[in-house]
Amino acid sequence: MRRIAKLETFTDPYVCFVRLTADDGKVGWGQTSTYCADITAQVFHRQVAPWVLGQDTADVLALVHRVEEKEHKFPGSYRCRALAGLDTALWDMKGKAEGKPVVELLGGKPGKLRAYASSMKRDITPEDEAARMVRLRDEKGFDAFKWRVGAECGHDIDEWPGRTEAVIPTVSRALGDGVAKLVDGNSGFSPKKAIEVGKLLEANGIGHFEEPCPYWHLDQTKQVTDALDLEVTGGEQDCELQIWQQMIDVRAVDVVQPDVMYMGGMARTLEVARMAAKAGLPCTPHSANLSLVTICTMHLLAAIPNAGKYLEFSIEGLDYYPWQDGLFLGDPFAITDGKATISAEPGWGVEINPQWLDRATYQVSELV
């Protein structure tokens, strides 16, 4: 039996890495969800670590459930964000202990994985968005692209007047035929407006409409799903399993998009993937930055039977995400011919940059 002996966090305001050490000296690295990571680290040490120190590492989901029950008065986002650090560190340790990548622990194989180039920008003109996507198509070989429409939680108010109606055909025409085209509404529209936008998407060869309505109103999203022929997708913000079950039961979306880190790690995300598979729905997870979330999602997609068509891969650099600078050694995010590579190295197959760790705020919880 292998037990958890020490849990350490290395944190800045955006990223929190977790190092888990077992009583036999085995080590695993994980990550909590990004953003307000310094707050999440406090939750981790106050409300996760005390319940798992000294516990058997064999069953990840059982440990997650233990924390959920011990902290049942504190459901929701921060608890899940903190749990992700525990879960992902446990999977990494298991892989290293067995000499296998996590994808093999899950029943898949390492190798190449199709990715879609995912824009995070709304403050970009349609012409500039089209130009950079064409450049990525030609330089990196991407054959799938996603761009933004509306304004985030926009109440039918666009980022600026007319942008949605311009960016849809401009980018679509520039990319031409033979590529997959996706857009993201980020809760921007009412059902009526979302359906109007969806019809424009369909007319321009776009097959994926993500989070068209406020995500917390499943009934609104379902109206859009029922009215359109393209795939309506969503779920990135949701972390409660009962909401996922409801979303799947009523067919609010055509494709589910859990985020490994928002969900609380791989074990809970696998539960969502299984729910979706039982209902015949594909799973295309949300992975919107180049931290450990995209690495974990790569391993997940190569293992689940209902994996979607591609990996979400952020195209934003340090101008947009300066906090991504220097997280890992090497380049685990290299894209060749539009595909990412799932490492065959044990665990997650990445090495966190020691210099980043040296600059981070350090905390530890351990058995006395």
Protein backbone atom coordinates (compact mmCIF):
# COMPACT_ATOMS: atom_id res chain seq x y z
CA MET A 1 0.00 0.00 0.00
CA ARG A 2 1.32 3.42 -0.97
CA ARG A 3 0.17 6.40 1.11
CA ILE A 4 0.33 10.16 0.61
CA ALA A 5 3.04 11.63 2.85
CA LYS A 6 3.53 15.20 1.58
CA LEU A 7 1.72 17.72 -0.62
CA GLU A 8 3.61 20.81 -1.79
CA THR A 9 2.35 23.72 -3.88
CA PHE A 10 4.31 26.17 -6.04
CA THR A 11 2.12 29.12 -6.90
CA ASP A 12 1.78 32.48 -8.60
CA PRO A 13 -1.53 34.27 -9.17
CA TYR A 14 -2.17 32.27 -12.36
CA VAL A 15 -0.67 28.80 -11.92
CA CYS A 16 -0.36 26.36 -9.03
CA PHE A 17 1.70 23.21 -9.47
CA VAL A 18 1.35 20.41 -6.92
CA ARG A 19 4.07 17.93 -5.96
CA LEU A 20 2.79 14.79 -4.25
CA THR A 21 5.21 12.53 -2.42
CA ALA A 22 4.22 9.08 -1.18
CA ASP A 23 5.60 7.26 1.85
CA ASP A 24 7.73 5.09 -0.42
CA GLY A 25 9.33 8.13 -2.06
CA LYS A 26 7.33 8.03 -5.30
CA VAL A 27 6.56 11.52 -6.65
CA GLY A 28 3.89 12.94 -8.94
CA TRP A 29 3.30 16.41 -10.34
CA GLY A 30 -0.08 17.96 -10.95
CA GLN A 31 -1.74 21.33 -11.35
CA THR A 32 -4.80 23.06 -9.98
CA SER A 33 -6.92 25.11 -12.38
CA THR A 34 -5.42 28.34 -13.64
CA TYR A 35 -6.43 31.86 -12.57
CA CYS A 36 -6.65 32.97 -8.95
CA ALA A 37 -4.37 30.00 -8.38
CA ASP A 38 -3.01 31.58 -5.21
CA ILE A 39 -6.52 31.41 -3.73
CA THR A 40 -6.93 27.83 -4.97
CA ALA A 41 -3.68 26.88 -3.22
CA GLN A 42 -5.16 28.03 0.08
CA VAL A 43 -8.24 25.88 -0.54
CA PHE A 44 -5.95 22.98 -1.42
CA HIS A 45 -4.02 23.11 1.86
CA ARG A 46 -7.05 23.89 4.04
CA GLN A 47 -9.71 21.67 2.50
CA VAL A 48 -8.04 18.96 0.41
CA ALA A 49 -4.69 18.06 1.95
CA PRO A 50 -5.94 17.33 5.50
CA TRP A 51 -8.31 14.63 4.25
CA VAL A 52 -5.88 12.78 1.99
CA LEU A 53 -2.57 12.81 3.87
CA GLY A 54 -1.90 9.27 5.00
CA GLN A 55 -4.50 7.83 2.62
CA ASP A 56 -3.94 5.04 0.08
CA THR A 57 -3.15 6.34 -3.41
CA ALA A 58 -4.57 3.38 -5.31
CA ASP A 59 -8.06 4.71 -6.07
CA VAL A 60 -8.03 8.30 -7.30
CA LEU A 61 -11.80 8.64 -7.51
CA ALA A 62 -12.23 7.30 -3.97
CA LEU A 63 -9.88 9.99 -2.67
CA VAL A 64 -11.77 12.64 -4.60
CA HIS A 65 -15.06 11.41 -3.15
CA ARG A 66 -13.53 11.45 0.33
CA VAL A 67 -12.71 15.15 0.00
CA GLU A 68 -16.14 15.89 -1.49
CA GLU A 69 -17.84 14.26 1.48
CA LYS A 70 -15.58 15.78 4.13
CA GLU A 71 -16.09 19.22 2.55
CA HIS A 72 -19.72 18.75 1.57
CA LYS A 73 -20.59 22.22 2.88
CA PHE A 74 -18.23 23.72 0.28
CA PRO A 75 -19.28 22.45 -3.15
CA GLY A 76 -18.45 24.25 -6.35
CA SER A 77 -15.68 25.72 -8.39
CA TYR A 78 -12.84 26.31 -5.94
CA ARG A 79 -13.11 22.88 -4.36
CA CYS A 80 -12.95 21.31 -7.83
CA ARG A 81 -10.11 23.55 -8.93
CA ALA A 82 -8.12 22.47 -5.88
CA LEU A 83 -9.03 18.79 -6.31
CA ALA A 84 -7.54 18.92 -9.81
CA GLY A 85 -4.11 19.40 -8.25
CA LEU A 86 -4.46 16.25 -6.17
CA ASP A 87 -5.97 14.17 -8.98
CA THR A 88 -3.45 15.10 -11.67
CA ALA A 89 -0.51 14.57 -9.31
CA LEU A 90 -1.83 11.10 -8.42
CA TRP A 91 -2.12 10.12 -12.11
CA ASP A 92 1.41 11.34 -12.78
CA MET A 93 2.77 9.36 -9.84
CA LYS A 94 0.93 6.22 -10.95
CA GLY A 95 2.34 6.52 -14.43
CA LYS A 96 5.88 7.03 -13.18
CA ALA A 97 5.58 4.16 -10.72
CA GLU A 98 4.44 1.82 -13.52
CA GLY A 99 6.73 3.28 -16.18
CA LYS A 100 3.75 4.21 -18.39
CA PRO A 101 2.24 7.43 -19.76
CA VAL A 102 -1.13 8.29 -18.25
CA VAL A 103 -2.81 7.61 -21.60
CA GLU A 104 -1.81 3.94 -21.27
CA LEU A 105 -3.17 3.77 -17.72
CA LEU A 106 -6.46 4.88 -19.25
CA GLY A 107 -6.38 2.26 -22.01
CA GLY A 108 -5.07 4.39 -24.90
CA LYS A 109 -1.75 4.89 -26.66
CA PRO A 110 0.63 7.83 -27.05
CA GLY A 111 1.12 9.37 -30.47
CA LYS A 112 -0.28 12.10 -32.69
CA LEU A 113 -3.56 13.88 -32.03
CA ARG A 114 -5.40 16.24 -34.37
CA ALA A 115 -5.72 19.74 -32.93
CA TYR A 116 -7.79 22.76 -33.75
CA ALA A 117 -6.27 26.24 -33.62
CA SER A 118 -8.28 28.05 -30.97
CA SER A 119 -8.38 31.86 -30.91
CA MET A 120 -9.06 33.56 -27.58
CA LYS A 121 -9.34 37.09 -28.98
CA ARG A 122 -12.32 39.31 -29.56
CA ASP A 123 -10.42 42.59 -29.80
CA ILE A 124 -9.13 41.60 -33.23
CA THR A 125 -10.54 42.68 -36.57
CA PRO A 126 -12.05 40.07 -38.87
CA GLU A 127 -9.28 40.71 -41.39
CA ASP A 128 -6.48 40.25 -38.84
CA GLU A 129 -8.11 37.11 -37.45
CA ALA A 130 -8.40 35.65 -40.93
CA ALA A 131 -4.78 36.49 -41.75
CA ARG A 132 -3.30 34.82 -38.68
CA MET A 133 -5.40 31.69 -39.14
CA VAL A 134 -4.35 31.37 -42.77
CA ARG A 135 -0.75 31.75 -41.62
CA LEU A 136 -1.21 28.98 -39.03
CA ARG A 137 -2.81 26.77 -41.65
CA ASP A 138 0.15 27.24 -43.96
CA GLU A 139 2.93 27.12 -41.33
CA LYS A 140 1.64 24.57 -38.83
CA GLY A 141 -0.70 22.47 -40.97
CA PHE A 142 -3.83 23.04 -38.87
CA ASP A 143 -6.98 21.86 -40.63
CA ALA A 144 -9.43 23.01 -37.94
CA PHE A 145 -9.95 26.50 -36.48
CA LYS A 146 -12.11 28.24 -33.89
CA TRP A 147 -12.74 31.95 -33.53
CA ARG A 148 -14.90 34.16 -31.31
CA VAL A 149 -18.25 35.78 -31.99
CA GLY A 150 -20.41 38.06 -29.88
CA ALA A 151 -19.14 39.45 -26.59
CA GLU A 152 -18.54 37.33 -23.50
CA CYS A 153 -21.83 37.28 -21.57
CA GLY A 154 -22.82 39.94 -24.08
CA HIS A 155 -26.63 40.09 -23.81
CA ASP A 156 -26.77 40.29 -27.62
CA ILE A 157 -24.34 43.23 -27.61
CA ASP A 158 -21.37 42.53 -29.85
CA GLU A 159 -17.73 43.31 -29.07
CA TRP A 160 -18.35 46.20 -31.43
CA PRO A 161 -21.34 46.72 -33.71
CA GLY A 162 -21.36 44.34 -36.66
CA ARG A 163 -18.27 42.35 -35.71
CA THR A 164 -20.06 38.97 -35.51
CA GLU A 165 -21.70 39.40 -38.91
CA ALA A 166 -18.33 40.38 -40.40
CA VAL A 167 -15.96 37.91 -38.74
CA ILE A 168 -18.00 34.81 -39.64
CA PRO A 169 -17.81 35.08 -43.45
CA THR A 170 -14.42 36.85 -43.50
CA VAL A 171 -12.56 34.08 -41.67
CA SER A 172 -14.54 31.29 -43.29
CA ARG A 173 -13.84 32.52 -46.83
CA ALA A 174 -10.16 33.08 -46.08
CA LEU A 175 -9.71 29.52 -44.81
CA GLY A 176 -11.58 28.05 -47.76
CA ASP A 177 -12.85 24.53 -48.11
CA GLY A 178 -11.42 21.35 -46.63
CA VAL A 179 -10.99 22.61 -43.06
CA ALA A 180 -13.19 22.32 -39.97
CA LYS A 181 -14.61 25.64 -38.78
CA LEU A 182 -15.80 26.37 -35.25
CA VAL A 183 -16.96 29.45 -33.36
CA ASP A 184 -17.41 30.26 -29.66
CA GLY A 185 -20.15 32.51 -28.29
CA ASN A 186 -19.03 32.46 -24.63
CA SER A 187 -22.59 32.88 -23.30
CA GLY A 188 -23.07 35.92 -25.52
CA PHE A 189 -26.56 35.56 -26.97
CA SER A 190 -30.22 35.15 -26.21
CA PRO A 191 -31.79 32.07 -27.85
CA LYS A 192 -33.39 34.19 -30.60
CA LYS A 193 -30.15 35.93 -31.50
CA ALA A 194 -28.12 32.72 -31.15
CA ILE A 195 -30.38 30.97 -33.65
CA GLU A 196 -29.95 33.89 -36.08
CA VAL A 197 -26.18 33.68 -35.69
CA GLY A 198 -26.34 29.88 -36.02
CA LYS A 199 -28.12 30.16 -39.36
CA LEU A 200 -25.36 32.48 -40.56
CA LEU A 201 -22.78 29.96 -39.36
CA GLU A 202 -24.48 27.16 -41.26
CA ALA A 203 -24.60 29.29 -44.41
CA ASN A 204 -20.84 29.81 -44.13
CA GLY A 205 -19.87 26.16 -43.63
CA ILE A 206 -19.25 26.33 -39.89
CA GLY A 207 -20.14 23.15 -38.02
CA HIS A 208 -19.58 23.92 -34.32
CA PHE A 209 -21.28 26.61 -32.23
CA GLU A 210 -19.95 26.67 -28.68
CA GLU A 211 -21.76 28.06 -25.62
CA PRO A 212 -24.20 30.23 -27.57
CA CYS A 213 -26.33 31.25 -24.56
CA PRO A 214 -25.63 31.86 -20.87
CA TYR A 215 -24.33 28.44 -19.86
CA TRP A 216 -26.29 28.40 -16.61
CA HIS A 217 -29.55 28.39 -18.57
CA LEU A 218 -29.65 24.91 -20.08
CA ASP A 219 -33.14 25.52 -21.42
CA GLN A 220 -31.87 28.41 -23.54
CA THR A 221 -29.01 26.37 -24.98
CA LYS A 222 -31.41 23.54 -25.75
CA GLN A 223 -33.61 25.87 -27.78
CA VAL A 224 -30.61 26.65 -29.96
CA THR A 225 -29.57 23.00 -30.23
CA ASP A 226 -33.07 21.99 -31.31
CA ALA A 227 -33.29 24.77 -33.91
CA LEU A 228 -29.96 24.24 -35.71
CA ASP A 229 -28.39 21.50 -37.80
CA LEU A 230 -24.80 22.28 -36.82
CA GLU A 231 -23.31 20.95 -33.57
CA VAL A 232 -24.10 23.06 -30.53
CA THR A 233 -21.53 22.41 -27.81
CA GLY A 234 -20.91 23.42 -24.21
CA GLY A 235 -20.14 22.57 -20.63
CA GLU A 236 -16.69 24.02 -20.10
CA GLN A 237 -17.79 25.99 -17.03
CA ASP A 238 -19.70 23.19 -15.33
CA CYS A 239 -18.21 21.13 -12.52
CA GLU A 240 -21.20 19.55 -10.76
CA LEU A 241 -22.04 16.04 -11.94
CA GLN A 242 -25.79 16.46 -11.46
CA ILE A 243 -25.74 19.41 -13.87
CA TRP A 244 -23.84 17.29 -16.37
CA GLN A 245 -26.39 14.51 -16.05
CA GLN A 246 -29.21 16.97 -16.62
CA MET A 247 -27.44 18.52 -19.59
CA ILE A 248 -26.99 15.10 -21.18
CA ASP A 249 -30.46 13.81 -20.28
CA VAL A 250 -32.25 16.75 -21.93
CA ARG A 251 -29.80 16.86 -24.86
CA ALA A 252 -29.01 20.51 -24.22
CA VAL A 253 -25.90 20.14 -26.37
CA ASP A 254 -24.68 17.86 -29.15
CA VAL A 255 -21.10 17.67 -27.83
CA VAL A 256 -19.95 17.86 -24.19
CA GLN A 257 -16.90 19.96 -23.32
CA PRO A 258 -15.72 19.38 -19.75
CA ASP A 259 -12.51 21.08 -18.64
CA VAL A 260 -10.20 18.68 -16.77
CA MET A 261 -9.06 21.36 -14.33
CA TYR A 262 -12.44 23.00 -13.73
CA MET A 263 -13.94 19.52 -13.22
CA GLY A 264 -11.51 18.54 -10.48
CA GLY A 265 -9.17 16.30 -12.46
CA MET A 266 -9.19 13.27 -14.69
CA ALA A 267 -11.31 10.94 -12.57
CA ARG A 268 -14.32 13.28 -12.49
CA THR A 269 -13.86 14.21 -16.15
CA LEU A 270 -13.89 10.53 -17.05
CA GLU A 271 -17.24 10.25 -15.28
CA VAL A 272 -18.64 12.97 -17.56
CA ALA A 273 -17.17 11.26 -20.62
CA ARG A 274 -18.82 8.00 -19.57
CA MET A 275 -22.19 9.71 -19.06
CA ALA A 276 -21.90 11.19 -22.54
CA ALA A 277 -20.81 7.90 -24.11
CA LYS A 278 -23.82 6.14 -22.62
CA ALA A 279 -26.04 8.76 -24.29
CA GLY A 280 -24.18 8.55 -27.59
CA LEU A 281 -22.62 12.02 -27.31
CA PRO A 282 -18.99 12.86 -28.17
CA CYS A 283 -16.63 14.53 -25.70
CA THR A 284 -14.37 17.36 -26.90
CA PRO A 285 -12.88 18.86 -23.71
CA HIS A 286 -12.15 22.52 -23.15
CA SER A 287 -8.41 23.27 -22.88
CA ALA A 288 -7.89 26.96 -23.48
CA ASN A 289 -4.28 27.59 -22.40
CA LEU A 290 -0.89 25.94 -22.65
CA SER A 291 -0.52 24.76 -19.08
CA LEU A 292 -0.98 21.20 -17.83
CA VAL A 293 -4.68 21.26 -18.79
CA THR A 294 -3.83 20.74 -22.47
CA ILE A 295 -1.38 17.92 -21.67
CA CYS A 296 -3.98 16.13 -19.53
CA THR A 297 -6.63 16.60 -22.21
CA MET A 298 -4.36 15.03 -24.83
CA HIS A 299 -3.99 11.88 -22.71
CA LEU A 300 -7.75 11.80 -22.07
CA LEU A 301 -8.77 12.19 -25.72
CA ALA A 302 -6.52 9.36 -26.85
CA ALA A 303 -8.15 6.99 -24.37
CA ILE A 304 -11.91 7.57 -24.23
CA PRO A 305 -14.16 5.76 -26.75
CA ASN A 306 -16.31 8.82 -27.50
CA ALA A 307 -13.49 11.29 -28.10
CA GLY A 308 -14.40 14.25 -30.29
CA LYS A 309 -12.74 15.09 -33.55
CA TYR A 310 -9.91 17.23 -32.22
CA LEU A 311 -8.00 18.75 -29.31
CA GLU A 312 -8.57 22.41 -28.44
CA PHE A 313 -5.17 24.09 -28.80
CA SER A 314 -4.73 27.74 -27.87
CA ILE A 315 -2.89 29.81 -30.47
CA GLU A 316 -2.26 32.72 -28.09
CA GLY A 317 1.31 33.53 -27.13
CA LEU A 318 2.89 35.50 -24.33
CA ASP A 319 1.28 38.75 -25.46
CA TYR A 320 -2.05 37.29 -24.38
CA TYR A 321 -0.93 34.78 -21.73
CA PRO A 322 2.35 36.15 -20.30
CA TRP A 323 2.03 33.78 -17.36
CA GLN A 324 2.62 30.79 -19.69
CA ASP A 325 6.26 31.81 -20.02
CA GLY A 326 8.71 29.16 -18.86
CA LEU A 327 6.31 26.70 -17.24
CA PHE A 328 7.93 23.61 -18.77
CA LEU A 329 11.29 22.48 -20.09
CA GLY A 330 11.41 21.75 -23.80
CA ASP A 331 8.34 22.18 -25.99
CA PRO A 332 5.56 19.76 -25.08
CA PHE A 333 3.17 21.78 -27.27
CA ALA A 334 4.87 21.44 -30.64
CA ILE A 335 2.43 21.17 -33.57
CA THR A 336 3.41 19.27 -36.71
CA ASP A 337 1.01 18.87 -39.64
CA GLY A 338 -1.80 20.14 -37.44
CA LYS A 339 -1.20 17.50 -34.77
CA ALA A 340 0.06 17.55 -31.19
CA THR A 341 2.16 14.69 -29.79
CA ILE A 342 1.20 12.73 -26.67
CA SER A 343 4.44 11.80 -24.95
CA ALA A 344 5.33 8.16 -24.37
CA GLU A 345 7.31 9.12 -21.26
CA PRO A 346 5.91 7.98 -17.89
CA GLY A 347 3.21 10.08 -16.26
CA TRP A 348 2.29 13.26 -18.06
CA GLY A 349 5.60 13.21 -19.90
CA VAL A 350 6.52 16.82 -19.07
CA GLU A 351 9.08 18.42 -16.79
CA ILE A 352 8.19 21.59 -14.91
CA ASN A 353 10.83 24.30 -15.18
CA PRO A 354 12.89 24.43 -11.95
CA GLN A 355 13.49 28.14 -12.43
CA TRP A 356 9.74 28.78 -12.44
CA LEU A 357 9.40 26.72 -9.27
CA ASP A 358 12.19 28.71 -7.59
CA ARG A 359 10.26 31.95 -8.17
CA ALA A 360 6.92 30.57 -6.94
CA THR A 361 5.32 30.89 -3.51
CA TYR A 362 5.86 27.63 -1.63
CA GLN A 363 3.57 25.86 0.84
CA VAL A 364 3.63 22.34 2.25
CA SER A 365 1.24 20.01 4.07
CA GLU A 366 2.67 16.74 5.38
CA LEU A 367 2.17 13.96 7.86
CA VAL A 368 3.48 14.83 11.28
